[in-house]
N, C-alpha and C. Protein backbone atom coordinates (compact mmCIF):
# COMPACT_ATOMS: atom_id res chain seq x y z
N MET A 1 -82.89 9.59 13.43
CA MET A 1 -83.38 10.70 12.64
C MET A 1 -84.54 11.35 13.38
N GLN A 2 -84.55 12.66 13.36
CA GLN A 2 -85.59 13.39 14.09
C GLN A 2 -86.56 14.03 13.11
N ILE A 3 -87.82 13.89 13.44
CA ILE A 3 -88.86 14.49 12.61
C ILE A 3 -89.14 15.87 13.17
N SER A 4 -89.14 16.86 12.28
CA SER A 4 -89.36 18.24 12.68
C SER A 4 -90.65 18.38 13.48
N GLY A 5 -90.55 19.05 14.62
CA GLY A 5 -91.72 19.35 15.43
C GLY A 5 -91.99 18.32 16.49
N LYS A 6 -91.45 17.10 16.38
CA LYS A 6 -91.69 16.07 17.39
C LYS A 6 -90.49 16.00 18.33
N PRO A 7 -90.74 16.06 19.65
CA PRO A 7 -89.62 15.99 20.59
C PRO A 7 -88.96 14.62 20.56
N ASP A 8 -87.63 14.59 20.77
CA ASP A 8 -86.92 13.33 20.87
C ASP A 8 -87.09 12.76 22.28
N LYS A 9 -86.36 11.70 22.60
CA LYS A 9 -86.53 11.06 23.91
C LYS A 9 -86.12 11.97 25.06
N HIS A 10 -85.37 13.03 24.80
CA HIS A 10 -84.96 13.99 25.83
C HIS A 10 -85.90 15.19 25.90
N GLY A 11 -86.92 15.20 25.09
CA GLY A 11 -87.87 16.31 25.09
C GLY A 11 -87.44 17.48 24.24
N VAL A 12 -86.41 17.29 23.42
CA VAL A 12 -85.90 18.37 22.58
C VAL A 12 -86.55 18.28 21.21
N SER A 13 -87.04 19.40 20.75
CA SER A 13 -87.69 19.46 19.44
C SER A 13 -86.74 20.11 18.45
N ALA A 14 -86.76 19.63 17.24
CA ALA A 14 -85.91 20.19 16.19
C ALA A 14 -86.63 21.26 15.39
N THR A 15 -87.73 21.78 15.90
CA THR A 15 -88.48 22.79 15.17
C THR A 15 -87.68 24.09 15.16
N PRO A 16 -87.34 24.60 14.00
CA PRO A 16 -86.60 25.87 13.94
C PRO A 16 -87.51 27.04 14.29
N ALA A 17 -86.90 28.20 14.54
CA ALA A 17 -87.69 29.41 14.77
C ALA A 17 -88.58 29.62 13.56
N ARG A 18 -89.79 30.07 13.79
CA ARG A 18 -90.77 30.15 12.70
C ARG A 18 -90.59 31.40 11.83
N SER A 19 -89.87 32.37 12.33
CA SER A 19 -89.70 33.59 11.53
C SER A 19 -88.34 34.22 11.84
N PRO A 20 -87.88 35.10 10.95
CA PRO A 20 -86.63 35.82 11.23
C PRO A 20 -86.72 36.63 12.53
N ARG A 21 -87.90 37.16 12.82
CA ARG A 21 -88.09 37.94 14.06
C ARG A 21 -87.86 37.05 15.28
N GLN A 22 -88.41 35.86 15.26
CA GLN A 22 -88.23 34.93 16.38
C GLN A 22 -86.76 34.54 16.51
N ALA A 23 -86.09 34.34 15.39
CA ALA A 23 -84.67 34.00 15.42
C ALA A 23 -83.86 35.12 16.06
N ARG A 24 -84.19 36.37 15.72
CA ARG A 24 -83.49 37.53 16.32
C ARG A 24 -83.73 37.58 17.82
N GLU A 25 -84.96 37.29 18.24
CA GLU A 25 -85.28 37.30 19.66
C GLU A 25 -84.48 36.24 20.41
N VAL A 26 -84.35 35.07 19.82
CA VAL A 26 -83.54 34.00 20.43
C VAL A 26 -82.09 34.45 20.54
N LEU A 27 -81.56 35.05 19.48
CA LEU A 27 -80.17 35.53 19.51
C LEU A 27 -79.99 36.63 20.55
N ARG A 28 -80.96 37.54 20.67
CA ARG A 28 -80.87 38.59 21.69
C ARG A 28 -80.85 37.98 23.09
N ASP A 29 -81.71 36.99 23.31
CA ASP A 29 -81.74 36.32 24.62
C ASP A 29 -80.40 35.66 24.93
N LEU A 30 -79.83 34.99 23.93
CA LEU A 30 -78.52 34.36 24.12
C LEU A 30 -77.44 35.40 24.40
N ALA A 31 -77.48 36.51 23.68
CA ALA A 31 -76.51 37.58 23.90
C ALA A 31 -76.63 38.15 25.31
N ARG A 32 -77.87 38.37 25.76
CA ARG A 32 -78.09 38.88 27.13
C ARG A 32 -77.55 37.90 28.17
N GLN A 33 -77.80 36.63 27.94
CA GLN A 33 -77.32 35.61 28.87
C GLN A 33 -75.79 35.60 28.91
N ALA A 34 -75.15 35.69 27.74
CA ALA A 34 -73.69 35.72 27.69
C ALA A 34 -73.15 36.95 28.40
N GLU A 35 -73.77 38.11 28.19
CA GLU A 35 -73.34 39.34 28.86
C GLU A 35 -73.45 39.20 30.37
N GLN A 36 -74.53 38.59 30.85
CA GLN A 36 -74.71 38.40 32.29
C GLN A 36 -73.64 37.47 32.85
N GLU A 37 -73.29 36.43 32.12
CA GLU A 37 -72.25 35.52 32.58
C GLU A 37 -70.90 36.22 32.63
N VAL A 38 -70.57 37.00 31.61
CA VAL A 38 -69.32 37.75 31.60
C VAL A 38 -69.30 38.75 32.76
N MET A 39 -70.41 39.44 33.00
CA MET A 39 -70.50 40.40 34.10
C MET A 39 -70.30 39.69 35.43
N GLY A 40 -70.87 38.51 35.57
CA GLY A 40 -70.71 37.74 36.81
C GLY A 40 -69.26 37.38 37.07
N VAL A 41 -68.56 36.93 36.03
CA VAL A 41 -67.14 36.60 36.17
C VAL A 41 -66.35 37.85 36.51
N THR A 42 -66.64 38.96 35.84
CA THR A 42 -65.94 40.22 36.10
C THR A 42 -66.16 40.66 37.54
N MET A 43 -67.39 40.64 38.00
CA MET A 43 -67.69 41.08 39.36
C MET A 43 -67.05 40.17 40.40
N ALA A 44 -66.92 38.89 40.11
CA ALA A 44 -66.32 37.96 41.05
C ALA A 44 -64.82 38.19 41.19
N SER A 45 -64.21 38.86 40.23
CA SER A 45 -62.77 39.09 40.28
C SER A 45 -62.41 40.55 40.54
N MET A 46 -63.40 41.37 40.86
CA MET A 46 -63.17 42.80 41.06
C MET A 46 -63.54 43.22 42.48
N ASP A 47 -62.71 44.06 43.06
CA ASP A 47 -63.01 44.64 44.36
C ASP A 47 -64.07 45.72 44.15
N GLU A 48 -65.22 45.56 44.79
CA GLU A 48 -66.33 46.48 44.56
C GLU A 48 -66.02 47.91 44.98
N LEU A 49 -65.23 48.08 46.01
CA LEU A 49 -64.95 49.42 46.52
C LEU A 49 -63.99 50.19 45.62
N THR A 50 -62.86 49.57 45.28
CA THR A 50 -61.82 50.28 44.54
C THR A 50 -61.89 50.07 43.03
N LEU A 51 -62.65 49.07 42.62
CA LEU A 51 -62.74 48.68 41.21
C LEU A 51 -61.42 48.19 40.64
N LEU A 52 -60.51 47.79 41.51
CA LEU A 52 -59.30 47.09 41.11
C LEU A 52 -59.60 45.60 41.17
N SER A 53 -58.70 44.79 40.65
CA SER A 53 -58.86 43.35 40.81
C SER A 53 -58.81 43.01 42.30
N ASN A 54 -59.66 42.08 42.73
CA ASN A 54 -59.56 41.59 44.10
C ASN A 54 -58.48 40.51 44.13
N ARG A 55 -58.29 39.86 45.27
CA ARG A 55 -57.22 38.86 45.37
C ARG A 55 -57.38 37.78 44.30
N HIS A 56 -58.58 37.27 44.13
CA HIS A 56 -58.81 36.22 43.13
C HIS A 56 -58.50 36.72 41.72
N GLY A 57 -59.01 37.90 41.39
CA GLY A 57 -58.76 38.47 40.07
C GLY A 57 -57.29 38.76 39.85
N PHE A 58 -56.64 39.30 40.88
CA PHE A 58 -55.21 39.61 40.76
C PHE A 58 -54.40 38.34 40.52
N THR A 59 -54.65 37.31 41.34
CA THR A 59 -53.84 36.09 41.18
C THR A 59 -54.07 35.45 39.82
N THR A 60 -55.28 35.51 39.31
CA THR A 60 -55.56 34.95 37.98
C THR A 60 -54.80 35.71 36.90
N LEU A 61 -54.93 37.04 36.90
CA LEU A 61 -54.26 37.86 35.88
C LEU A 61 -52.74 37.84 36.04
N ALA A 62 -52.28 37.90 37.29
CA ALA A 62 -50.84 37.91 37.54
C ALA A 62 -50.21 36.59 37.12
N GLN A 63 -50.92 35.48 37.34
CA GLN A 63 -50.36 34.18 36.92
C GLN A 63 -50.22 34.14 35.40
N LEU A 64 -51.20 34.65 34.68
CA LEU A 64 -51.09 34.72 33.22
C LEU A 64 -49.89 35.57 32.81
N ALA A 65 -49.70 36.69 33.50
CA ALA A 65 -48.58 37.58 33.19
C ALA A 65 -47.24 36.91 33.50
N LEU A 66 -47.15 36.21 34.63
CA LEU A 66 -45.91 35.51 34.98
C LEU A 66 -45.61 34.38 34.00
N ASP A 67 -46.65 33.67 33.58
CA ASP A 67 -46.45 32.61 32.57
C ASP A 67 -45.88 33.20 31.28
N ALA A 68 -46.40 34.36 30.88
CA ALA A 68 -45.89 35.03 29.68
C ALA A 68 -44.45 35.47 29.89
N CYS A 69 -44.14 36.00 31.06
CA CYS A 69 -42.76 36.42 31.36
C CYS A 69 -41.80 35.24 31.26
N GLN A 70 -42.22 34.08 31.76
CA GLN A 70 -41.37 32.89 31.67
C GLN A 70 -41.16 32.48 30.22
N ARG A 71 -42.23 32.45 29.44
CA ARG A 71 -42.11 32.06 28.03
C ARG A 71 -41.20 33.01 27.26
N LEU A 72 -41.34 34.31 27.54
CA LEU A 72 -40.58 35.32 26.81
C LEU A 72 -39.23 35.62 27.45
N GLU A 73 -38.99 34.99 28.61
CA GLU A 73 -37.74 35.20 29.36
C GLU A 73 -37.52 36.67 29.69
N VAL A 74 -38.56 37.30 30.21
CA VAL A 74 -38.44 38.68 30.68
C VAL A 74 -38.71 38.71 32.18
N PRO A 75 -38.14 39.68 32.88
CA PRO A 75 -38.30 39.73 34.34
C PRO A 75 -39.67 40.29 34.74
N ALA A 76 -39.95 40.13 36.01
CA ALA A 76 -41.15 40.72 36.60
C ALA A 76 -40.85 41.03 38.05
N THR A 77 -41.47 42.08 38.55
CA THR A 77 -41.30 42.49 39.94
C THR A 77 -42.66 42.74 40.55
N LEU A 78 -42.83 42.25 41.77
CA LEU A 78 -44.06 42.48 42.52
C LEU A 78 -43.81 43.59 43.53
N LEU A 79 -44.62 44.62 43.47
CA LEU A 79 -44.59 45.68 44.48
C LEU A 79 -45.78 45.47 45.40
N PHE A 80 -45.57 45.68 46.69
CA PHE A 80 -46.67 45.56 47.63
C PHE A 80 -46.73 46.81 48.49
N PHE A 81 -47.95 47.22 48.78
CA PHE A 81 -48.21 48.48 49.47
C PHE A 81 -49.13 48.26 50.66
N ASP A 82 -48.86 48.97 51.73
CA ASP A 82 -49.76 49.05 52.88
C ASP A 82 -49.99 50.52 53.16
N LEU A 83 -51.24 50.90 53.41
CA LEU A 83 -51.51 52.28 53.80
C LEU A 83 -51.07 52.47 55.25
N ASP A 84 -50.35 53.55 55.49
CA ASP A 84 -49.90 53.87 56.85
C ASP A 84 -51.06 54.44 57.64
N ASP A 85 -51.18 54.03 58.89
CA ASP A 85 -52.19 54.55 59.82
C ASP A 85 -53.62 54.41 59.31
N PHE A 86 -53.89 53.38 58.54
CA PHE A 86 -55.24 53.21 58.01
C PHE A 86 -56.26 52.97 59.12
N LYS A 87 -55.89 52.16 60.10
CA LYS A 87 -56.82 51.91 61.22
C LYS A 87 -57.12 53.20 61.96
N HIS A 88 -56.14 54.06 62.05
CA HIS A 88 -56.30 55.37 62.70
C HIS A 88 -57.32 56.23 61.92
N ILE A 89 -57.22 56.20 60.60
CA ILE A 89 -58.17 56.95 59.75
C ILE A 89 -59.59 56.43 59.98
N ASN A 90 -59.74 55.11 59.97
CA ASN A 90 -61.06 54.51 60.21
C ASN A 90 -61.59 54.88 61.59
N TYR A 91 -60.73 54.85 62.58
CA TYR A 91 -61.15 55.12 63.96
C TYR A 91 -61.56 56.59 64.14
N LEU A 92 -60.71 57.50 63.65
CA LEU A 92 -60.97 58.93 63.87
C LEU A 92 -62.03 59.51 62.95
N TYR A 93 -62.05 59.07 61.69
CA TYR A 93 -62.91 59.71 60.69
C TYR A 93 -64.08 58.84 60.23
N GLY A 94 -64.09 57.58 60.65
CA GLY A 94 -65.18 56.69 60.28
C GLY A 94 -64.86 55.82 59.09
N ARG A 95 -65.63 54.76 58.97
CA ARG A 95 -65.40 53.78 57.92
C ARG A 95 -65.59 54.37 56.52
N ALA A 96 -66.56 55.25 56.36
CA ALA A 96 -66.79 55.86 55.04
C ALA A 96 -65.56 56.63 54.59
N GLU A 97 -64.92 57.32 55.51
CA GLU A 97 -63.71 58.07 55.14
C GLU A 97 -62.55 57.12 54.88
N GLY A 98 -62.50 56.01 55.62
CA GLY A 98 -61.50 54.98 55.34
C GLY A 98 -61.69 54.42 53.94
N ASP A 99 -62.95 54.20 53.56
CA ASP A 99 -63.24 53.73 52.20
C ASP A 99 -62.78 54.75 51.16
N ASN A 100 -62.99 56.04 51.45
CA ASN A 100 -62.53 57.09 50.53
C ASN A 100 -61.01 57.07 50.38
N ALA A 101 -60.30 56.82 51.48
CA ALA A 101 -58.84 56.73 51.41
C ALA A 101 -58.42 55.56 50.52
N LEU A 102 -59.09 54.43 50.67
CA LEU A 102 -58.77 53.26 49.84
C LEU A 102 -59.03 53.55 48.36
N LYS A 103 -60.16 54.19 48.06
CA LYS A 103 -60.50 54.52 46.67
C LYS A 103 -59.49 55.51 46.09
N THR A 104 -59.09 56.48 46.90
CA THR A 104 -58.10 57.47 46.43
C THR A 104 -56.78 56.79 46.11
N PHE A 105 -56.33 55.91 47.00
CA PHE A 105 -55.05 55.22 46.76
C PHE A 105 -55.15 54.33 45.52
N ALA A 106 -56.28 53.66 45.33
CA ALA A 106 -56.47 52.83 44.14
C ALA A 106 -56.39 53.68 42.87
N ASP A 107 -57.00 54.86 42.90
CA ASP A 107 -56.93 55.77 41.75
C ASP A 107 -55.49 56.18 41.46
N VAL A 108 -54.73 56.45 42.51
CA VAL A 108 -53.33 56.85 42.36
C VAL A 108 -52.54 55.71 41.70
N LEU A 109 -52.78 54.48 42.14
CA LEU A 109 -52.08 53.34 41.52
C LEU A 109 -52.44 53.21 40.05
N ARG A 110 -53.71 53.39 39.72
CA ARG A 110 -54.14 53.30 38.31
C ARG A 110 -53.44 54.36 37.46
N ILE A 111 -53.29 55.55 38.00
CA ILE A 111 -52.65 56.65 37.27
C ILE A 111 -51.15 56.38 37.10
N ALA A 112 -50.52 55.88 38.15
CA ALA A 112 -49.06 55.78 38.19
C ALA A 112 -48.48 54.62 37.38
N PHE A 113 -49.24 53.55 37.22
CA PHE A 113 -48.68 52.37 36.56
C PHE A 113 -49.20 52.21 35.15
N ARG A 114 -48.49 51.38 34.39
CA ARG A 114 -48.84 51.12 32.99
C ARG A 114 -50.07 50.23 32.91
N GLU A 115 -50.75 50.29 31.79
CA GLU A 115 -51.90 49.41 31.57
C GLU A 115 -51.49 47.95 31.56
N SER A 116 -50.25 47.67 31.19
CA SER A 116 -49.78 46.29 31.14
C SER A 116 -49.44 45.73 32.53
N ASP A 117 -49.36 46.59 33.54
CA ASP A 117 -49.09 46.13 34.90
C ASP A 117 -50.39 45.62 35.52
N VAL A 118 -50.27 44.62 36.36
CA VAL A 118 -51.44 44.02 37.01
C VAL A 118 -51.53 44.60 38.42
N ILE A 119 -52.62 45.30 38.70
CA ILE A 119 -52.80 45.98 39.99
C ILE A 119 -53.99 45.37 40.70
N GLY A 120 -53.87 45.22 42.02
CA GLY A 120 -54.99 44.67 42.76
C GLY A 120 -55.00 45.08 44.22
N ARG A 121 -56.15 44.89 44.82
CA ARG A 121 -56.30 45.07 46.27
C ARG A 121 -56.50 43.69 46.85
N LEU A 122 -55.58 43.30 47.73
CA LEU A 122 -55.67 41.97 48.32
C LEU A 122 -56.67 41.91 49.45
N GLY A 123 -56.95 43.05 50.03
CA GLY A 123 -57.89 43.12 51.16
C GLY A 123 -57.41 44.17 52.13
N GLY A 124 -58.31 44.65 52.97
CA GLY A 124 -57.93 45.68 53.94
C GLY A 124 -57.23 46.82 53.26
N ASP A 125 -56.04 47.14 53.74
CA ASP A 125 -55.27 48.25 53.16
C ASP A 125 -54.04 47.73 52.40
N GLU A 126 -54.11 46.49 51.90
CA GLU A 126 -53.00 45.89 51.16
C GLU A 126 -53.27 45.90 49.66
N PHE A 127 -52.33 46.46 48.93
CA PHE A 127 -52.42 46.56 47.48
C PHE A 127 -51.16 45.96 46.88
N VAL A 128 -51.25 45.52 45.63
CA VAL A 128 -50.10 44.96 44.92
C VAL A 128 -50.10 45.43 43.47
N ALA A 129 -48.90 45.42 42.90
CA ALA A 129 -48.76 45.72 41.47
C ALA A 129 -47.67 44.81 40.92
N LEU A 130 -47.98 44.05 39.89
CA LEU A 130 -47.00 43.21 39.23
C LEU A 130 -46.54 43.95 37.98
N LEU A 131 -45.25 44.27 37.96
CA LEU A 131 -44.66 44.99 36.84
C LEU A 131 -43.94 43.99 35.95
N THR A 132 -44.45 43.78 34.76
CA THR A 132 -43.83 42.84 33.83
C THR A 132 -42.77 43.56 33.02
N GLY A 133 -41.70 42.83 32.71
CA GLY A 133 -40.61 43.43 31.95
C GLY A 133 -39.74 44.33 32.80
N SER A 134 -39.87 44.23 34.12
CA SER A 134 -39.11 45.09 35.03
C SER A 134 -38.45 44.24 36.11
N ASN A 135 -37.20 44.57 36.41
CA ASN A 135 -36.55 43.94 37.55
C ASN A 135 -35.80 45.00 38.34
N ALA A 136 -35.62 44.74 39.60
CA ALA A 136 -34.90 45.65 40.50
C ALA A 136 -35.31 47.10 40.25
N VAL A 137 -36.61 47.35 40.36
CA VAL A 137 -37.10 48.70 40.11
C VAL A 137 -36.62 49.63 41.21
N ASP A 138 -36.51 50.88 40.88
CA ASP A 138 -36.08 51.91 41.82
C ASP A 138 -37.27 52.30 42.69
N LEU A 139 -37.33 51.73 43.90
CA LEU A 139 -38.45 52.00 44.79
C LEU A 139 -38.57 53.48 45.14
N ASN A 140 -37.43 54.15 45.27
CA ASN A 140 -37.49 55.58 45.61
C ASN A 140 -38.16 56.38 44.51
N ALA A 141 -37.87 56.04 43.26
CA ALA A 141 -38.50 56.75 42.14
C ALA A 141 -40.00 56.46 42.09
N ILE A 142 -40.37 55.21 42.31
CA ILE A 142 -41.80 54.86 42.31
C ILE A 142 -42.51 55.55 43.45
N LYS A 143 -41.90 55.50 44.64
CA LYS A 143 -42.53 56.14 45.80
C LYS A 143 -42.67 57.64 45.57
N ALA A 144 -41.65 58.26 44.98
CA ALA A 144 -41.71 59.70 44.71
C ALA A 144 -42.85 60.02 43.73
N ARG A 145 -43.01 59.19 42.71
CA ARG A 145 -44.10 59.40 41.73
C ARG A 145 -45.46 59.27 42.41
N LEU A 146 -45.64 58.23 43.21
CA LEU A 146 -46.90 58.03 43.92
C LEU A 146 -47.17 59.17 44.90
N LEU A 147 -46.13 59.59 45.62
CA LEU A 147 -46.30 60.68 46.59
C LEU A 147 -46.66 61.99 45.89
N GLU A 148 -46.09 62.21 44.72
CA GLU A 148 -46.42 63.42 43.96
C GLU A 148 -47.92 63.46 43.63
N ILE A 149 -48.43 62.34 43.17
CA ILE A 149 -49.86 62.26 42.84
C ILE A 149 -50.70 62.36 44.12
N LEU A 150 -50.27 61.65 45.17
CA LEU A 150 -51.01 61.69 46.44
C LEU A 150 -51.01 63.08 47.05
N ASP A 151 -49.88 63.77 46.97
CA ASP A 151 -49.82 65.13 47.53
C ASP A 151 -50.83 66.05 46.87
N GLU A 152 -51.00 65.90 45.55
CA GLU A 152 -52.03 66.69 44.85
C GLU A 152 -53.41 66.36 45.40
N ARG A 153 -53.69 65.07 45.56
CA ARG A 153 -55.00 64.64 46.08
C ARG A 153 -55.19 65.11 47.52
N ASN A 154 -54.15 64.94 48.33
CA ASN A 154 -54.25 65.34 49.74
C ASN A 154 -54.52 66.83 49.87
N ALA A 155 -53.84 67.64 49.05
CA ALA A 155 -54.02 69.09 49.11
C ALA A 155 -55.41 69.50 48.63
N THR A 156 -55.90 68.84 47.60
CA THR A 156 -57.20 69.18 47.03
C THR A 156 -58.34 68.78 47.95
N MET A 157 -58.23 67.64 48.59
CA MET A 157 -59.35 67.10 49.35
C MET A 157 -59.44 67.64 50.78
N ARG A 158 -58.35 68.04 51.36
CA ARG A 158 -58.33 68.62 52.72
C ARG A 158 -59.21 67.83 53.68
N ARG A 159 -58.82 66.63 53.95
CA ARG A 159 -59.62 65.74 54.79
C ARG A 159 -59.25 65.77 56.26
N GLY A 160 -58.16 66.40 56.62
CA GLY A 160 -57.70 66.36 58.00
C GLY A 160 -56.62 65.31 58.20
N TYR A 161 -56.30 64.57 57.19
CA TYR A 161 -55.23 63.58 57.23
C TYR A 161 -54.65 63.46 55.83
N ASP A 162 -53.44 62.97 55.74
CA ASP A 162 -52.81 62.69 54.46
C ASP A 162 -52.68 61.19 54.28
N ILE A 163 -52.93 60.72 53.09
CA ILE A 163 -52.74 59.29 52.80
C ILE A 163 -51.25 59.06 52.57
N ARG A 164 -50.71 58.11 53.31
CA ARG A 164 -49.31 57.72 53.17
C ARG A 164 -49.25 56.20 53.10
N PHE A 165 -48.14 55.68 52.63
CA PHE A 165 -48.04 54.24 52.42
C PHE A 165 -46.62 53.75 52.61
N SER A 166 -46.51 52.45 52.83
CA SER A 166 -45.22 51.75 52.84
C SER A 166 -45.18 50.89 51.59
N ILE A 167 -43.98 50.66 51.09
CA ILE A 167 -43.83 49.92 49.83
C ILE A 167 -42.68 48.92 49.97
N GLY A 168 -42.84 47.78 49.35
CA GLY A 168 -41.80 46.77 49.28
C GLY A 168 -41.82 46.12 47.92
N GLN A 169 -40.80 45.32 47.64
CA GLN A 169 -40.76 44.65 46.35
C GLN A 169 -40.10 43.29 46.47
N ILE A 170 -40.44 42.43 45.54
CA ILE A 170 -39.78 41.14 45.40
C ILE A 170 -39.73 40.83 43.91
N GLU A 171 -38.57 40.36 43.47
CA GLU A 171 -38.42 40.00 42.06
C GLU A 171 -38.90 38.58 41.83
N PHE A 172 -39.55 38.38 40.71
CA PHE A 172 -40.01 37.05 40.33
C PHE A 172 -38.82 36.19 39.96
N ASP A 173 -38.75 35.00 40.55
CA ASP A 173 -37.72 34.01 40.25
C ASP A 173 -38.46 32.73 39.89
N ALA A 174 -38.36 32.31 38.63
CA ALA A 174 -39.13 31.16 38.14
C ALA A 174 -38.82 29.88 38.91
N VAL A 175 -37.63 29.77 39.47
CA VAL A 175 -37.28 28.57 40.24
C VAL A 175 -37.91 28.62 41.63
N ALA A 176 -37.84 29.77 42.27
CA ALA A 176 -38.36 29.91 43.64
C ALA A 176 -39.87 30.12 43.69
N HIS A 177 -40.43 30.69 42.64
CA HIS A 177 -41.86 31.03 42.63
C HIS A 177 -42.54 30.37 41.44
N ARG A 178 -43.05 29.18 41.66
CA ARG A 178 -43.74 28.50 40.55
C ARG A 178 -45.10 29.14 40.27
N THR A 179 -45.68 29.75 41.30
CA THR A 179 -46.99 30.38 41.14
C THR A 179 -46.96 31.79 41.72
N VAL A 180 -47.96 32.56 41.36
CA VAL A 180 -48.07 33.91 41.91
C VAL A 180 -48.34 33.84 43.41
N GLU A 181 -49.03 32.79 43.86
CA GLU A 181 -49.28 32.62 45.30
C GLU A 181 -47.96 32.47 46.06
N GLU A 182 -47.02 31.72 45.49
CA GLU A 182 -45.71 31.58 46.13
C GLU A 182 -44.97 32.91 46.16
N LEU A 183 -45.11 33.69 45.11
CA LEU A 183 -44.50 35.02 45.07
C LEU A 183 -45.10 35.90 46.16
N LEU A 184 -46.41 35.87 46.31
CA LEU A 184 -47.08 36.65 47.35
C LEU A 184 -46.65 36.19 48.75
N GLU A 185 -46.54 34.88 48.95
CA GLU A 185 -46.10 34.36 50.25
C GLU A 185 -44.70 34.85 50.58
N ASN A 186 -43.81 34.82 49.61
CA ASN A 186 -42.44 35.28 49.85
C ASN A 186 -42.36 36.78 50.06
N ALA A 187 -43.37 37.50 49.60
CA ALA A 187 -43.41 38.94 49.82
C ALA A 187 -43.80 39.25 51.26
N LYS A 188 -44.26 38.23 51.98
CA LYS A 188 -44.64 38.35 53.39
C LYS A 188 -45.74 39.37 53.60
N LEU A 189 -46.78 39.25 52.80
CA LEU A 189 -47.93 40.15 52.94
C LEU A 189 -48.80 39.71 54.07
């Protein structure tokens, strides 16, 4: 039994906050601490440049999505993208312009895909999108949609180069791909 105000053997006191104001201050401090922890987790899983999920964030979210697809017995397809001539853009126009190209492409992916799709930047000029509830997607239709959006951006920005990309896909197979990492490995990124 602990007597109010006297610390126990661990130095913990059972003295409650002395006023409602003090109690509110304690709650505010706890809320701030929780917000900081959530922000830390968010920042650790987000690519700072593009504000898409980074590799860690993508694999975490994509694994949750694949687990749901397995439970619900719905298909999933992984699309993977590489920017064409990205090293050339960096070399000719500088790293800042290369960063702008990456941000532009990330914006295009955000616009083109559903909120339920998991999109991420794996690093460098490699991007991925996991489409849940989709199998054998029409790559030509997806590429045409992305190019339509990119053409608008390319025309508006007049940078001296056009952003272009290569695209591939692999369908999720629960037997062959137990994890999203195995799916990524089979995609040969």
